[in-house]
Amino acid sequence: MHSTLKEIIRQECKKRGITLYRLAKELGIDYSYLFAVVSLLKVSRPVIFKLAEYFHAPDLLFEYEKILRSKSVENKAKNPPKIKEVEP
């Protein structure tokens, strides 16, 4: 599911005949930072908002939030909170 966002961005770039590097330049964002956000290595709602505006794709924001929520749930499942034992 995490590749969904990356695939959406790649498809939109392909439709417009631009590379991710060119997209970063047009948005005024560092390429490596954009790549990290699209790959979900970094969280940046402002970058996703710029992408959604650029591609005229408001669903991109919804998809991103959905992915972030699912990652949060996965992390909580992997690292459940520690419960301290209380002595009577």
C-alpha atoms as a PDB file:
ATOM      1  CA  MET A   1       0.000   0.000   0.000  1.00  0.00           C
ATOM      2  CA  HIS A   2       2.907   2.356   0.685  1.00  0.00           C
ATOM      3  CA  SER A   3       3.924   2.278  -2.974  1.00  0.00           C
ATOM      4  CA  THR A   4       0.525   3.734  -3.917  1.00  0.00           C
ATOM      5  CA  LEU A   5       1.589   7.324  -3.322  1.00  0.00           C
ATOM      6  CA  LYS A   6       4.843   6.880  -5.208  1.00  0.00           C
ATOM      7  CA  GLU A   7       3.010   5.263  -8.114  1.00  0.00           C
ATOM      8  CA  ILE A   8       0.444   8.070  -8.257  1.00  0.00           C
ATOM      9  CA  ILE A   9       3.220  10.679  -8.398  1.00  0.00           C
ATOM     10  CA  ARG A  10       5.167   8.732 -11.021  1.00  0.00           C
ATOM     11  CA  GLN A  11       2.053   8.304 -13.179  1.00  0.00           C
ATOM     12  CA  GLU A  12       1.248  12.006 -12.947  1.00  0.00           C
ATOM     13  CA  CYS A  13       4.822  12.896 -13.907  1.00  0.00           C
ATOM     14  CA  LYS A  14       4.700  10.454 -16.809  1.00  0.00           C
ATOM     15  CA  LYS A  15       1.437  12.002 -18.073  1.00  0.00           C
ATOM     16  CA  ARG A  16       3.129  15.397 -18.125  1.00  0.00           C
ATOM     17  CA  GLY A  17       6.407  14.108 -19.546  1.00  0.00           C
ATOM     18  CA  ILE A  18       8.490  15.280 -16.598  1.00  0.00           C
ATOM     19  CA  THR A  19      10.868  13.549 -14.242  1.00  0.00           C
ATOM     20  CA  LEU A  20      10.699  13.655 -10.469  1.00  0.00           C
ATOM     21  CA  TYR A  21      13.809  15.842 -10.618  1.00  0.00           C
ATOM     22  CA  ARG A  22      12.046  18.322 -12.916  1.00  0.00           C
ATOM     23  CA  LEU A  23       8.974  18.261 -10.657  1.00  0.00           C
ATOM     24  CA  ALA A  24      11.153  19.125  -7.662  1.00  0.00           C
ATOM     25  CA  LYS A  25      12.657  22.061  -9.568  1.00  0.00           C
ATOM     26  CA  GLU A  26       9.227  23.343 -10.625  1.00  0.00           C
ATOM     27  CA  LEU A  27       7.940  23.141  -7.051  1.00  0.00           C
ATOM     28  CA  GLY A  28      11.087  24.710  -5.598  1.00  0.00           C
ATOM     29  CA  ILE A  29      11.806  21.636  -3.478  1.00  0.00           C
ATOM     30  CA  ASP A  30      15.114  19.825  -3.107  1.00  0.00           C
ATOM     31  CA  TYR A  31      14.995  16.620  -5.172  1.00  0.00           C
ATOM     32  CA  SER A  32      16.270  14.357  -2.388  1.00  0.00           C
ATOM     33  CA  TYR A  33      13.700  15.790   0.030  1.00  0.00           C
ATOM     34  CA  LEU A  34      10.867  15.308  -2.475  1.00  0.00           C
ATOM     35  CA  PHE A  35      12.018  11.746  -3.114  1.00  0.00           C
ATOM     36  CA  ALA A  36      12.067  11.041   0.652  1.00  0.00           C
ATOM     37  CA  VAL A  37       8.533  12.410   1.076  1.00  0.00           C
ATOM     38  CA  VAL A  38       7.163  10.496  -1.918  1.00  0.00           C
ATOM     39  CA  SER A  39       8.907   7.340  -0.651  1.00  0.00           C
ATOM     40  CA  LEU A  40       7.382   7.949   2.805  1.00  0.00           C
ATOM     41  CA  LEU A  41      10.775   8.246   4.459  1.00  0.00           C
ATOM     42  CA  LYS A  42       9.862  11.744   5.634  1.00  0.00           C
ATOM     43  CA  VAL A  43       6.502  13.239   6.530  1.00  0.00           C
ATOM     44  CA  SER A  44       5.655  16.592   4.949  1.00  0.00           C
ATOM     45  CA  ARG A  45       2.066  17.645   4.517  1.00  0.00           C
ATOM     46  CA  PRO A  46       3.136  20.957   2.921  1.00  0.00           C
ATOM     47  CA  VAL A  47       4.980  19.071   0.158  1.00  0.00           C
ATOM     48  CA  ILE A  48       2.011  16.784  -0.427  1.00  0.00           C
ATOM     49  CA  PHE A  49      -0.226  19.838  -0.538  1.00  0.00           C
ATOM     50  CA  LYS A  50       2.030  21.386  -3.209  1.00  0.00           C
ATOM     51  CA  LEU A  51       1.904  18.143  -5.189  1.00  0.00           C
ATOM     52  CA  ALA A  52      -1.881  17.982  -4.922  1.00  0.00           C
ATOM     53  CA  GLU A  53      -2.167  21.572  -6.160  1.00  0.00           C
ATOM     54  CA  TYR A  54       0.337  21.023  -8.964  1.00  0.00           C
ATOM     55  CA  PHE A  55      -1.412  17.887 -10.226  1.00  0.00           C
ATOM     56  CA  HIS A  56      -4.923  19.182  -9.448  1.00  0.00           C
ATOM     57  CA  ALA A  57      -5.406  16.020  -7.414  1.00  0.00           C
ATOM     58  CA  PRO A  58      -7.046  16.701  -4.035  1.00  0.00           C
ATOM     59  CA  ASP A  59      -7.366  12.935  -3.506  1.00  0.00           C
ATOM     60  CA  LEU A  60      -3.606  12.883  -3.054  1.00  0.00           C
ATOM     61  CA  LEU A  61      -4.002  14.547   0.342  1.00  0.00           C
ATOM     62  CA  PHE A  62      -6.559  11.947   1.402  1.00  0.00           C
ATOM     63  CA  GLU A  63      -4.336   9.085   0.217  1.00  0.00           C
ATOM     64  CA  TYR A  64      -1.362  10.524   2.096  1.00  0.00           C
ATOM     65  CA  GLU A  65      -3.308  10.878   5.345  1.00  0.00           C
ATOM     66  CA  LYS A  66      -4.612   7.329   4.975  1.00  0.00           C
ATOM     67  CA  ILE A  67      -1.070   6.018   4.533  1.00  0.00           C
ATOM     68  CA  LEU A  68       0.198   7.986   7.530  1.00  0.00           C
ATOM     69  CA  ARG A  69      -2.601   6.606   9.700  1.00  0.00           C
ATOM     70  CA  SER A  70      -1.841   3.039   8.647  1.00  0.00           C
ATOM     71  CA  LYS A  71       1.883   3.558   9.361  1.00  0.00           C
ATOM     72  CA  SER A  72       0.987   4.900  12.806  1.00  0.00           C
ATOM     73  CA  VAL A  73      -1.103   1.816  13.541  1.00  0.00           C
ATOM     74  CA  GLU A  74       1.710  -0.473  12.324  1.00  0.00           C
ATOM     75  CA  ASN A  75       4.241   1.287  14.570  1.00  0.00           C
ATOM     76  CA  LYS A  76       1.959   1.024  17.599  1.00  0.00           C
ATOM     77  CA  ALA A  77       1.481  -2.698  16.947  1.00  0.00           C
ATOM     78  CA  LYS A  78       5.250  -3.230  16.699  1.00  0.00           C
ATOM     79  CA  ASN A  79       6.001  -1.189  19.822  1.00  0.00           C
ATOM     80  CA  PRO A  80       3.152  -1.611  22.292  1.00  0.00           C
ATOM     81  CA  PRO A  81       3.341   0.620  25.358  1.00  0.00           C
ATOM     82  CA  LYS A  82       5.115  -0.887  28.344  1.00  0.00           C
ATOM     83  CA  ILE A  83       2.937  -1.519  31.359  1.00  0.00           C
ATOM     84  CA  LYS A  84       4.551  -1.130  34.739  1.00  0.00           C
ATOM     85  CA  GLU A  85       3.643  -3.704  37.298  1.00  0.00           C
ATOM     86  CA  VAL A  86       2.384  -2.218  40.520  1.00  0.00           C
ATOM     87  CA  GLU A  87       3.230  -3.936  43.756  1.00  0.00           C
ATOM     88  CA  PRO A  88       0.296  -4.416  46.141  1.00  0.00           C
END
